Amino acid sequence: MNVQHFIAEHGAWSYPITFAWTFFEGETFVLFAAFAAAQGLLSAPFILVAAWLGSFAGDQCYFWIGRRFGLRVLARQPKWRERVDNALAWLKRFDVWFILSFRFIYGVRNFSSFALGISGIDWRRFLILNFTAAGLWAAVFVGAGYLCGHALRKMLGEIARDFGFAMLAGFAAVLVGAHFAHRLHRRRRRAAVAHRS
């Protein structure tokens, strides 16, 4: 599938996809979209706004789930307890800095908003810090994708798009591989602890 052709033909869908992707997940699609913006296929400011609002809305939603149902969910999903406890320990140690940076911390970010909902932090405080943090995160990844795309375009000219999309695809594969490797490592560690017990 030719990614450039798809974006050129259906580029308007990239903005709602960016919103939905960042609501549930992380930065992979944001990097692709920002790279495409550097090639003139999409609008970087629109990608930035979509990523900002998607990330903010997603974490706000997980926060409210944690606030209203957190302890009941943990009772049904005890395997989540370790991650939630880790996030709460980070919050206790770093407070505001943790809320501003948890999106960048692999292995903690997925449960952080849920844990913050359980923590009892004032919802207004979280809302303001979450909005700020989502903007910082979106700016970093949209900026990174855009600058990489712009630099490659200058260096490689017309072949920059294909080369750049191949590089981003490789980067996405590395992210996915790291995610599964991390999960496998955690599973083995749990099995070793259970075996020793």
C-alpha atoms as a PDB file:
ATOM      1  CA  MET A   1       0.000   0.000   0.000  1.00  0.00           C
ATOM      2  CA  ASN A   2       1.340   3.458  -0.945  1.00  0.00           C
ATOM      3  CA  VAL A   3       1.044   5.503   2.263  1.00  0.00           C
ATOM      4  CA  GLN A   4       1.646   8.848   0.540  1.00  0.00           C
ATOM      5  CA  HIS A   5      -1.073   8.141  -2.000  1.00  0.00           C
ATOM      6  CA  PHE A   6      -3.499   7.119   0.740  1.00  0.00           C
ATOM      7  CA  ILE A   7      -2.794  10.307   2.735  1.00  0.00           C
ATOM      8  CA  ALA A   8      -3.069  12.460  -0.375  1.00  0.00           C
ATOM      9  CA  GLU A   9      -6.431  10.888  -1.257  1.00  0.00           C
ATOM     10  CA  HIS A  10      -7.881  10.594   2.248  1.00  0.00           C
ATOM     11  CA  GLY A  11      -5.858  13.160   4.187  1.00  0.00           C
ATOM     12  CA  ALA A  12      -8.865  14.626   6.003  1.00  0.00           C
ATOM     13  CA  TRP A  13      -9.298  11.316   7.834  1.00  0.00           C
ATOM     14  CA  SER A  14      -5.816  11.693   9.340  1.00  0.00           C
ATOM     15  CA  TYR A  15      -7.061  14.244  11.885  1.00  0.00           C
ATOM     16  CA  PRO A  16      -9.871  12.153  13.451  1.00  0.00           C
ATOM     17  CA  ILE A  17      -7.576   9.098  13.271  1.00  0.00           C
ATOM     18  CA  THR A  18      -4.899  11.071  15.156  1.00  0.00           C
ATOM     19  CA  PHE A  19      -7.477  12.044  17.786  1.00  0.00           C
ATOM     20  CA  ALA A  20      -8.719   8.451  18.200  1.00  0.00           C
ATOM     21  CA  TRP A  21      -5.208   6.972  18.154  1.00  0.00           C
ATOM     22  CA  THR A  22      -3.951   9.313  20.872  1.00  0.00           C
ATOM     23  CA  PHE A  23      -7.122   8.782  22.926  1.00  0.00           C
ATOM     24  CA  PHE A  24      -6.322   5.061  23.215  1.00  0.00           C
ATOM     25  CA  GLU A  25      -2.630   4.746  22.447  1.00  0.00           C
ATOM     26  CA  GLY A  26       0.554   6.697  21.936  1.00  0.00           C
ATOM     27  CA  GLU A  27       2.795   8.449  19.503  1.00  0.00           C
ATOM     28  CA  THR A  28       3.226   6.097  16.516  1.00  0.00           C
ATOM     29  CA  PHE A  29       0.550   7.549  14.232  1.00  0.00           C
ATOM     30  CA  VAL A  30       1.408  11.086  15.395  1.00  0.00           C
ATOM     31  CA  LEU A  31       4.952  10.644  14.074  1.00  0.00           C
ATOM     32  CA  PHE A  32       3.658   9.342  10.729  1.00  0.00           C
ATOM     33  CA  ALA A  33       1.166  12.190  10.396  1.00  0.00           C
ATOM     34  CA  ALA A  34       3.720  14.858  11.346  1.00  0.00           C
ATOM     35  CA  PHE A  35       6.173  13.417   8.839  1.00  0.00           C
ATOM     36  CA  ALA A  36       3.461  13.619   6.181  1.00  0.00           C
ATOM     37  CA  ALA A  37       2.835  17.251   7.206  1.00  0.00           C
ATOM     38  CA  ALA A  38       6.504  18.013   6.519  1.00  0.00           C
ATOM     39  CA  GLN A  39       5.944  16.672   2.995  1.00  0.00           C
ATOM     40  CA  GLY A  40       3.025  19.076   2.535  1.00  0.00           C
ATOM     41  CA  LEU A  41       0.390  16.311   2.661  1.00  0.00           C
ATOM     42  CA  LEU A  42      -1.222  17.357   5.964  1.00  0.00           C
ATOM     43  CA  SER A  43      -1.476  20.401   8.225  1.00  0.00           C
ATOM     44  CA  ALA A  44       0.977  20.247  11.143  1.00  0.00           C
ATOM     45  CA  PRO A  45      -1.110  22.612  13.347  1.00  0.00           C
ATOM     46  CA  PHE A  46      -4.224  20.457  12.835  1.00  0.00           C
ATOM     47  CA  ILE A  47      -2.236  17.299  13.675  1.00  0.00           C
ATOM     48  CA  LEU A  48      -0.930  19.037  16.790  1.00  0.00           C
ATOM     49  CA  VAL A  49      -4.435  20.031  17.922  1.00  0.00           C
ATOM     50  CA  ALA A  50      -5.860  16.556  17.193  1.00  0.00           C
ATOM     51  CA  ALA A  51      -3.040  14.834  19.119  1.00  0.00           C
ATOM     52  CA  TRP A  52      -3.320  17.304  22.000  1.00  0.00           C
ATOM     53  CA  LEU A  53      -7.083  16.927  22.375  1.00  0.00           C
ATOM     54  CA  GLY A  54      -7.029  13.150  21.854  1.00  0.00           C
ATOM     55  CA  SER A  55      -4.350  12.580  24.473  1.00  0.00           C
ATOM     56  CA  PHE A  56      -6.045  14.970  26.904  1.00  0.00           C
ATOM     57  CA  ALA A  57      -9.497  13.398  26.437  1.00  0.00           C
ATOM     58  CA  GLY A  58      -8.175   9.846  26.769  1.00  0.00           C
ATOM     59  CA  ASP A  59      -6.335  10.474  30.019  1.00  0.00           C
ATOM     60  CA  GLN A  60      -9.215  12.510  31.398  1.00  0.00           C
ATOM     61  CA  CYS A  61     -11.522   9.555  30.690  1.00  0.00           C
ATOM     62  CA  TYR A  62      -9.165   7.058  32.384  1.00  0.00           C
ATOM     63  CA  PHE A  63      -8.882   9.444  35.344  1.00  0.00           C
ATOM     64  CA  TRP A  64     -12.666   9.449  35.836  1.00  0.00           C
ATOM     65  CA  ILE A  65     -12.825   5.665  35.496  1.00  0.00           C
ATOM     66  CA  GLY A  66     -10.188   5.444  38.235  1.00  0.00           C
ATOM     67  CA  ARG A  67     -12.024   7.980  40.383  1.00  0.00           C
ATOM     68  CA  ARG A  68     -15.437   6.288  40.148  1.00  0.00           C
ATOM     69  CA  PHE A  69     -14.641   2.584  39.669  1.00  0.00           C
ATOM     70  CA  GLY A  70     -10.920   2.209  40.429  1.00  0.00           C
ATOM     71  CA  LEU A  71     -11.024   0.030  43.534  1.00  0.00           C
ATOM     72  CA  ARG A  72     -13.736  -2.214  42.076  1.00  0.00           C
ATOM     73  CA  VAL A  73     -11.747  -2.611  38.854  1.00  0.00           C
ATOM     74  CA  LEU A  74      -8.584  -3.481  40.822  1.00  0.00           C
ATOM     75  CA  ALA A  75     -10.522  -6.074  42.827  1.00  0.00           C
ATOM     76  CA  ARG A  76     -11.455  -7.771  39.540  1.00  0.00           C
ATOM     77  CA  GLN A  77      -8.041  -7.203  37.893  1.00  0.00           C
ATOM     78  CA  PRO A  78      -5.458  -7.790  40.659  1.00  0.00           C
ATOM     79  CA  LYS A  79      -2.662  -8.105  38.072  1.00  0.00           C
ATOM     80  CA  TRP A  80      -3.026  -4.347  37.463  1.00  0.00           C
ATOM     81  CA  ARG A  81      -2.162  -3.593  41.103  1.00  0.00           C
ATOM     82  CA  GLU A  82       1.623  -3.531  40.570  1.00  0.00           C
ATOM     83  CA  ARG A  83       1.417  -0.966  37.756  1.00  0.00           C
ATOM     84  CA  VAL A  84      -1.039   1.210  39.652  1.00  0.00           C
ATOM     85  CA  ASP A  85       1.159   1.078  42.764  1.00  0.00           C
ATOM     86  CA  ASN A  86       4.193   2.042  40.656  1.00  0.00           C
ATOM     87  CA  ALA A  87       2.350   5.061  39.257  1.00  0.00           C
ATOM     88  CA  LEU A  88       1.212   6.117  42.738  1.00  0.00           C
ATOM     89  CA  ALA A  89       4.785   5.817  44.031  1.00  0.00           C
ATOM     90  CA  TRP A  90       5.990   8.078  41.208  1.00  0.00           C
ATOM     91  CA  LEU A  91       3.213  10.551  42.040  1.00  0.00           C
ATOM     92  CA  LYS A  92       4.143  10.590  45.717  1.00  0.00           C
ATOM     93  CA  ARG A  93       7.797  11.175  44.889  1.00  0.00           C
ATOM     94  CA  PHE A  94       7.532  13.726  42.073  1.00  0.00           C
ATOM     95  CA  ASP A  95       3.974  15.141  42.313  1.00  0.00           C
ATOM     96  CA  VAL A  96       3.420  17.770  39.562  1.00  0.00           C
ATOM     97  CA  TRP A  97       6.463  16.656  37.558  1.00  0.00           C
ATOM     98  CA  PHE A  98       5.075  13.139  37.311  1.00  0.00           C
ATOM     99  CA  ILE A  99       1.724  14.355  35.984  1.00  0.00           C
ATOM    100  CA  LEU A 100       3.513  16.500  33.398  1.00  0.00           C
ATOM    101  CA  SER A 101       5.804  13.685  32.282  1.00  0.00           C
ATOM    102  CA  PHE A 102       4.079  10.296  32.701  1.00  0.00           C
ATOM    103  CA  ARG A 103       3.201  10.154  28.987  1.00  0.00           C
ATOM    104  CA  PHE A 104       6.917   9.856  28.264  1.00  0.00           C
ATOM    105  CA  ILE A 105       7.565   7.020  30.777  1.00  0.00           C
ATOM    106  CA  TYR A 106       7.248   3.636  29.098  1.00  0.00           C
ATOM    107  CA  GLY A 107       5.613   0.941  31.227  1.00  0.00           C
ATOM    108  CA  VAL A 108       3.914   3.448  33.572  1.00  0.00           C
ATOM    109  CA  ARG A 109       1.960   5.744  31.283  1.00  0.00           C
ATOM    110  CA  ASN A 110      -0.845   3.319  30.415  1.00  0.00           C
ATOM    111  CA  PHE A 111      -2.046   3.097  34.021  1.00  0.00           C
ATOM    112  CA  SER A 112      -1.075   6.536  35.291  1.00  0.00           C
ATOM    113  CA  SER A 113      -4.328   8.429  34.710  1.00  0.00           C
ATOM    114  CA  PHE A 114      -6.332   5.545  36.149  1.00  0.00           C
ATOM    115  CA  ALA A 115      -4.037   5.513  39.217  1.00  0.00           C
ATOM    116  CA  LEU A 116      -4.291   9.289  39.562  1.00  0.00           C
ATOM    117  CA  GLY A 117      -8.071   8.952  39.677  1.00  0.00           C
ATOM    118  CA  ILE A 118      -7.709   6.519  42.579  1.00  0.00           C
ATOM    119  CA  SER A 119      -5.174   8.759  44.331  1.00  0.00           C
ATOM    120  CA  GLY A 120      -7.704  11.371  45.384  1.00  0.00           C
ATOM    121  CA  ILE A 121      -5.940  14.275  43.660  1.00  0.00           C
ATOM    122  CA  ASP A 122      -8.293  17.215  43.104  1.00  0.00           C
ATOM    123  CA  TRP A 123      -9.965  16.784  39.704  1.00  0.00           C
ATOM    124  CA  ARG A 124      -9.539  20.472  38.790  1.00  0.00           C
ATOM    125  CA  ARG A 125      -5.814  20.275  39.448  1.00  0.00           C
ATOM    126  CA  PHE A 126      -5.494  17.144  37.355  1.00  0.00           C
ATOM    127  CA  LEU A 127      -7.552  18.656  34.524  1.00  0.00           C
ATOM    128  CA  ILE A 128      -5.257  21.721  34.261  1.00  0.00           C
ATOM    129  CA  LEU A 129      -2.034  19.700  34.535  1.00  0.00           C
ATOM    130  CA  ASN A 130      -3.326  17.023  32.154  1.00  0.00           C
ATOM    131  CA  PHE A 131      -4.248  19.640  29.543  1.00  0.00           C
ATOM    132  CA  THR A 132      -0.785  21.199  29.843  1.00  0.00           C
ATOM    133  CA  ALA A 133       0.981  17.825  29.729  1.00  0.00           C
ATOM    134  CA  ALA A 134      -1.008  16.662  26.677  1.00  0.00           C
ATOM    135  CA  GLY A 135       0.019  19.841  24.855  1.00  0.00           C
ATOM    136  CA  LEU A 136       3.711  19.336  25.720  1.00  0.00           C
ATOM    137  CA  TRP A 137       3.580  15.689  24.622  1.00  0.00           C
ATOM    138  CA  ALA A 138       1.823  16.517  21.340  1.00  0.00           C
ATOM    139  CA  ALA A 139       4.284  19.335  20.602  1.00  0.00           C
ATOM    140  CA  VAL A 140       7.295  17.043  21.202  1.00  0.00           C
ATOM    141  CA  PHE A 141       6.123  14.232  18.917  1.00  0.00           C
ATOM    142  CA  VAL A 142       4.565  16.379  16.202  1.00  0.00           C
ATOM    143  CA  GLY A 143       7.718  18.507  16.262  1.00  0.00           C
ATOM    144  CA  ALA A 144       9.983  15.453  16.074  1.00  0.00           C
ATOM    145  CA  GLY A 145       8.078  13.925  13.154  1.00  0.00           C
ATOM    146  CA  TYR A 146       7.897  17.247  11.334  1.00  0.00           C
ATOM    147  CA  LEU A 147      11.589  18.095  11.798  1.00  0.00           C
ATOM    148  CA  CYS A 148      12.671  14.609  10.680  1.00  0.00           C
ATOM    149  CA  GLY A 149      10.472  14.865   7.609  1.00  0.00           C
ATOM    150  CA  HIS A 150      11.720  18.353   6.796  1.00  0.00           C
ATOM    151  CA  ALA A 151      15.378  17.375   7.222  1.00  0.00           C
ATOM    152  CA  LEU A 152      15.003  14.277   5.046  1.00  0.00           C
ATOM    153  CA  ARG A 153      13.196  16.272   2.400  1.00  0.00           C
ATOM    154  CA  LYS A 154      16.096  18.717   2.216  1.00  0.00           C
ATOM    155  CA  MET A 155      18.733  15.997   2.138  1.00  0.00           C
ATOM    156  CA  LEU A 156      17.109  13.457  -0.134  1.00  0.00           C
ATOM    157  CA  GLY A 157      14.695  15.454  -2.252  1.00  0.00           C
ATOM    158  CA  GLU A 158      12.016  13.375  -3.951  1.00  0.00           C
ATOM    159  CA  ILE A 159      13.031  10.045  -2.433  1.00  0.00           C
ATOM    160  CA  ALA A 160      12.657  11.485   1.084  1.00  0.00           C
ATOM    161  CA  ARG A 161       9.029  10.437   1.382  1.00  0.00           C
ATOM    162  CA  ASP A 162       9.543   6.759   0.627  1.00  0.00           C
ATOM    163  CA  PHE A 163      12.731   6.588   2.678  1.00  0.00           C
ATOM    164  CA  GLY A 164      11.189   8.482   5.571  1.00  0.00           C
ATOM    165  CA  PHE A 165       8.041   6.379   5.662  1.00  0.00           C
ATOM    166  CA  ALA A 166      10.228   3.267   5.641  1.00  0.00           C
ATOM    167  CA  MET A 167      12.240   4.668   8.574  1.00  0.00           C
ATOM    168  CA  LEU A 168       9.054   5.519  10.487  1.00  0.00           C
ATOM    169  CA  ALA A 169       7.660   2.054   9.780  1.00  0.00           C
ATOM    170  CA  GLY A 170      10.885   0.612  11.193  1.00  0.00           C
ATOM    171  CA  PHE A 171      10.591   2.854  14.245  1.00  0.00           C
ATOM    172  CA  ALA A 172       6.976   1.762  14.755  1.00  0.00           C
ATOM    173  CA  ALA A 173       8.067  -1.887  14.521  1.00  0.00           C
ATOM    174  CA  VAL A 174      10.741  -1.248  17.173  1.00  0.00           C
ATOM    175  CA  LEU A 175       8.138   0.359  19.479  1.00  0.00           C
ATOM    176  CA  VAL A 176       5.770  -2.591  19.077  1.00  0.00           C
ATOM    177  CA  GLY A 177       8.637  -5.064  19.596  1.00  0.00           C
ATOM    178  CA  ALA A 178       9.755  -3.233  22.751  1.00  0.00           C
ATOM    179  CA  HIS A 179       6.194  -3.337  24.074  1.00  0.00           C
ATOM    180  CA  PHE A 180       5.903  -7.102  23.617  1.00  0.00           C
ATOM    181  CA  ALA A 181       9.432  -7.702  24.966  1.00  0.00           C
ATOM    182  CA  HIS A 182       8.538  -5.708  28.076  1.00  0.00           C
ATOM    183  CA  ARG A 183       5.355  -7.737  28.593  1.00  0.00           C
ATOM    184  CA  LEU A 184       7.252 -11.026  28.126  1.00  0.00           C
ATOM    185  CA  HIS A 185       9.928  -9.930  30.608  1.00  0.00           C
ATOM    186  CA  ARG A 186       7.253  -9.039  33.203  1.00  0.00           C
ATOM    187  CA  ARG A 187       5.517 -12.388  32.685  1.00  0.00           C
ATOM    188  CA  ARG A 188       8.790 -14.291  33.189  1.00  0.00           C
ATOM    189  CA  ARG A 189       9.616 -12.253  36.289  1.00  0.00           C
ATOM    190  CA  ARG A 190       6.171 -13.004  37.778  1.00  0.00           C
ATOM    191  CA  ALA A 191       6.568 -16.707  36.960  1.00  0.00           C
ATOM    192  CA  ALA A 192      10.014 -16.741  38.654  1.00  0.00           C
ATOM    193  CA  VAL A 193       8.590 -15.061  41.776  1.00  0.00           C
ATOM    194  CA  ALA A 194       5.670 -17.524  41.870  1.00  0.00           C
ATOM    195  CA  HIS A 195       8.090 -20.457  41.460  1.00  0.00           C
ATOM    196  CA  ARG A 196      10.254 -19.245  44.366  1.00  0.00           C
ATOM    197  CA  SER A 197       7.143 -18.917  46.529  1.00  0.00           C
END
